Amino acid sequence: MQRAPRRVKGGLAVRLLLGWCAAKRQGGGAPPGGGAASDSDLGLRGLLLLLLLLAALLLGLGLLLGLGLRRLALLLLLLRRRLLASRLGLLLLLALLLLLLG
């Protein structure tokens, strides 16, 4: 017996992320012959967009507050233990590093 899907509050990025996670659990993907983008494809795009948005927000906030790049890097090191516990955090750190170096 399957459970009814839970109603989720949140924006498009949250729904795309949850759809991506659900598709990964069920092993879903694009059909072999191509076709429309699946929920997992849309979720991956939403996840990448969310990561870039968070990276830009953190960098902009750090520069706006006058922290400078060195202090912002120290702040990221303090957050590292929590962020490295998840793949999402690891991707976020990678995106921030690329933004800082680029």
C-alpha atoms as a PDB file:
ATOM      1  CA  MET A   1       0.000   0.000   0.000  1.00  0.00           C
ATOM      2  CA  GLN A   2       1.417   3.364  -0.989  1.00  0.00           C
ATOM      3  CA  ARG A   3       1.227   6.497   1.055  1.00  0.00           C
ATOM      4  CA  ALA A   4      -0.379   9.602  -0.344  1.00  0.00           C
ATOM      5  CA  PRO A   5       2.205  12.251  -1.239  1.00  0.00           C
ATOM      6  CA  ARG A   6       2.660  14.926   1.368  1.00  0.00           C
ATOM      7  CA  ARG A   7       1.730  18.484   0.568  1.00  0.00           C
ATOM      8  CA  VAL A   8       4.888  20.573   0.563  1.00  0.00           C
ATOM      9  CA  LYS A   9       5.026  24.274   1.137  1.00  0.00           C
ATOM     10  CA  GLY A  10       7.787  26.147  -0.590  1.00  0.00           C
ATOM     11  CA  GLY A  11       8.918  27.580  -3.836  1.00  0.00           C
ATOM     12  CA  LEU A  12       9.759  26.020  -7.139  1.00  0.00           C
ATOM     13  CA  ALA A  13      13.305  25.109  -6.095  1.00  0.00           C
ATOM     14  CA  VAL A  14      12.041  23.151  -3.078  1.00  0.00           C
ATOM     15  CA  ARG A  15       9.525  21.248  -5.188  1.00  0.00           C
ATOM     16  CA  LEU A  16      12.122  20.502  -7.856  1.00  0.00           C
ATOM     17  CA  LEU A  17      14.582  19.276  -5.248  1.00  0.00           C
ATOM     18  CA  LEU A  18      11.992  17.029  -3.626  1.00  0.00           C
ATOM     19  CA  GLY A  19      10.913  15.729  -7.033  1.00  0.00           C
ATOM     20  CA  TRP A  20      14.524  14.943  -7.871  1.00  0.00           C
ATOM     21  CA  CYS A  21      14.995  13.080  -4.586  1.00  0.00           C
ATOM     22  CA  ALA A  22      11.790  11.089  -5.135  1.00  0.00           C
ATOM     23  CA  ALA A  23      12.846  10.180  -8.679  1.00  0.00           C
ATOM     24  CA  LYS A  24      16.250   9.044  -7.425  1.00  0.00           C
ATOM     25  CA  ARG A  25      14.591   6.829  -4.801  1.00  0.00           C
ATOM     26  CA  GLN A  26      12.336   5.220  -7.398  1.00  0.00           C
ATOM     27  CA  GLY A  27      15.083   4.911  -9.988  1.00  0.00           C
ATOM     28  CA  GLY A  28      13.259   7.120 -12.448  1.00  0.00           C
ATOM     29  CA  GLY A  29      14.830   8.828 -15.425  1.00  0.00           C
ATOM     30  CA  ALA A  30      14.286   9.864 -18.985  1.00  0.00           C
ATOM     31  CA  PRO A  31      12.748   7.271 -21.295  1.00  0.00           C
ATOM     32  CA  PRO A  32      15.244   5.476 -23.575  1.00  0.00           C
ATOM     33  CA  GLY A  33      13.896   7.135 -26.716  1.00  0.00           C
ATOM     34  CA  GLY A  34      14.277  10.653 -25.364  1.00  0.00           C
ATOM     35  CA  GLY A  35      11.156  12.749 -24.994  1.00  0.00           C
ATOM     36  CA  ALA A  36      10.247  15.342 -22.431  1.00  0.00           C
ATOM     37  CA  ALA A  37      12.497  16.111 -19.507  1.00  0.00           C
ATOM     38  CA  SER A  38      11.782  13.899 -16.557  1.00  0.00           C
ATOM     39  CA  ASP A  39      11.264  15.012 -12.981  1.00  0.00           C
ATOM     40  CA  SER A  40      14.816  13.979 -12.164  1.00  0.00           C
ATOM     41  CA  ASP A  41      16.214  16.168 -14.964  1.00  0.00           C
ATOM     42  CA  LEU A  42      14.153  19.118 -13.800  1.00  0.00           C
ATOM     43  CA  GLY A  43      15.172  18.458 -10.210  1.00  0.00           C
ATOM     44  CA  LEU A  44      18.859  18.400 -11.118  1.00  0.00           C
ATOM     45  CA  ARG A  45      18.546  21.711 -12.951  1.00  0.00           C
ATOM     46  CA  GLY A  46      16.695  23.168  -9.985  1.00  0.00           C
ATOM     47  CA  LEU A  47      19.357  21.867  -7.616  1.00  0.00           C
ATOM     48  CA  LEU A  48      22.151  23.444  -9.633  1.00  0.00           C
ATOM     49  CA  LEU A  49      20.240  26.700  -9.882  1.00  0.00           C
ATOM     50  CA  LEU A  50      19.650  26.664  -6.137  1.00  0.00           C
ATOM     51  CA  LEU A  51      23.352  26.036  -5.489  1.00  0.00           C
ATOM     52  CA  LEU A  52      24.383  28.923  -7.687  1.00  0.00           C
ATOM     53  CA  LEU A  53      21.829  31.177  -6.045  1.00  0.00           C
ATOM     54  CA  LEU A  54      23.045  30.255  -2.561  1.00  0.00           C
ATOM     55  CA  ALA A  55      26.682  30.747  -3.561  1.00  0.00           C
ATOM     56  CA  ALA A  56      25.957  34.168  -5.020  1.00  0.00           C
ATOM     57  CA  LEU A  57      23.905  35.105  -1.976  1.00  0.00           C
ATOM     58  CA  LEU A  58      26.661  34.128   0.450  1.00  0.00           C
ATOM     59  CA  LEU A  59      29.328  35.908  -1.553  1.00  0.00           C
ATOM     60  CA  GLY A  60      27.194  39.014  -1.965  1.00  0.00           C
ATOM     61  CA  LEU A  61      26.269  39.038   1.704  1.00  0.00           C
ATOM     62  CA  GLY A  62      29.893  38.686   2.725  1.00  0.00           C
ATOM     63  CA  LEU A  63      31.006  41.511   0.477  1.00  0.00           C
ATOM     64  CA  LEU A  64      28.036  43.674   1.485  1.00  0.00           C
ATOM     65  CA  LEU A  65      28.863  43.290   5.148  1.00  0.00           C
ATOM     66  CA  GLY A  66      32.466  44.165   4.422  1.00  0.00           C
ATOM     67  CA  LEU A  67      33.789  40.838   5.568  1.00  0.00           C
ATOM     68  CA  GLY A  68      36.184  40.601   2.679  1.00  0.00           C
ATOM     69  CA  LEU A  69      37.241  37.391   1.019  1.00  0.00           C
ATOM     70  CA  ARG A  70      39.570  36.286   3.807  1.00  0.00           C
ATOM     71  CA  ARG A  71      36.959  36.539   6.543  1.00  0.00           C
ATOM     72  CA  LEU A  72      34.361  34.983   4.286  1.00  0.00           C
ATOM     73  CA  ALA A  73      36.699  32.038   3.722  1.00  0.00           C
ATOM     74  CA  LEU A  74      37.109  31.687   7.490  1.00  0.00           C
ATOM     75  CA  LEU A  75      33.339  31.719   7.900  1.00  0.00           C
ATOM     76  CA  LEU A  76      33.065  28.960   5.307  1.00  0.00           C
ATOM     77  CA  LEU A  77      35.674  26.932   7.175  1.00  0.00           C
ATOM     78  CA  LEU A  78      33.572  27.195  10.310  1.00  0.00           C
ATOM     79  CA  LEU A  79      30.530  25.945   8.399  1.00  0.00           C
ATOM     80  CA  ARG A  80      32.523  23.206   6.698  1.00  0.00           C
ATOM     81  CA  ARG A  81      31.766  20.417   9.144  1.00  0.00           C
ATOM     82  CA  ARG A  82      28.035  20.790   8.674  1.00  0.00           C
ATOM     83  CA  LEU A  83      28.233  21.357   4.940  1.00  0.00           C
ATOM     84  CA  LEU A  84      30.539  18.449   4.195  1.00  0.00           C
ATOM     85  CA  ALA A  85      28.072  16.071   5.834  1.00  0.00           C
ATOM     86  CA  SER A  86      25.908  16.300   2.720  1.00  0.00           C
ATOM     87  CA  ARG A  87      26.523  16.215  -1.001  1.00  0.00           C
ATOM     88  CA  LEU A  88      24.554  19.403  -1.376  1.00  0.00           C
ATOM     89  CA  GLY A  89      26.923  21.166   1.004  1.00  0.00           C
ATOM     90  CA  LEU A  90      29.923  19.815  -0.834  1.00  0.00           C
ATOM     91  CA  LEU A  91      28.576  21.107  -4.145  1.00  0.00           C
ATOM     92  CA  LEU A  92      27.837  24.462  -2.517  1.00  0.00           C
ATOM     93  CA  LEU A  93      31.411  24.719  -1.247  1.00  0.00           C
ATOM     94  CA  LEU A  94      32.726  23.850  -4.695  1.00  0.00           C
ATOM     95  CA  ALA A  95      30.532  26.506  -6.310  1.00  0.00           C
ATOM     96  CA  LEU A  96      31.691  29.096  -3.767  1.00  0.00           C
ATOM     97  CA  LEU A  97      35.326  28.192  -4.358  1.00  0.00           C
ATOM     98  CA  LEU A  98      34.860  28.587  -8.105  1.00  0.00           C
ATOM     99  CA  LEU A  99      33.189  31.956  -7.596  1.00  0.00           C
ATOM    100  CA  LEU A 100      35.971  33.149  -5.298  1.00  0.00           C
ATOM    101  CA  LEU A 101      38.707  32.040  -7.692  1.00  0.00           C
ATOM    102  CA  GLY A 102      36.942  33.201 -10.846  1.00  0.00           C
END
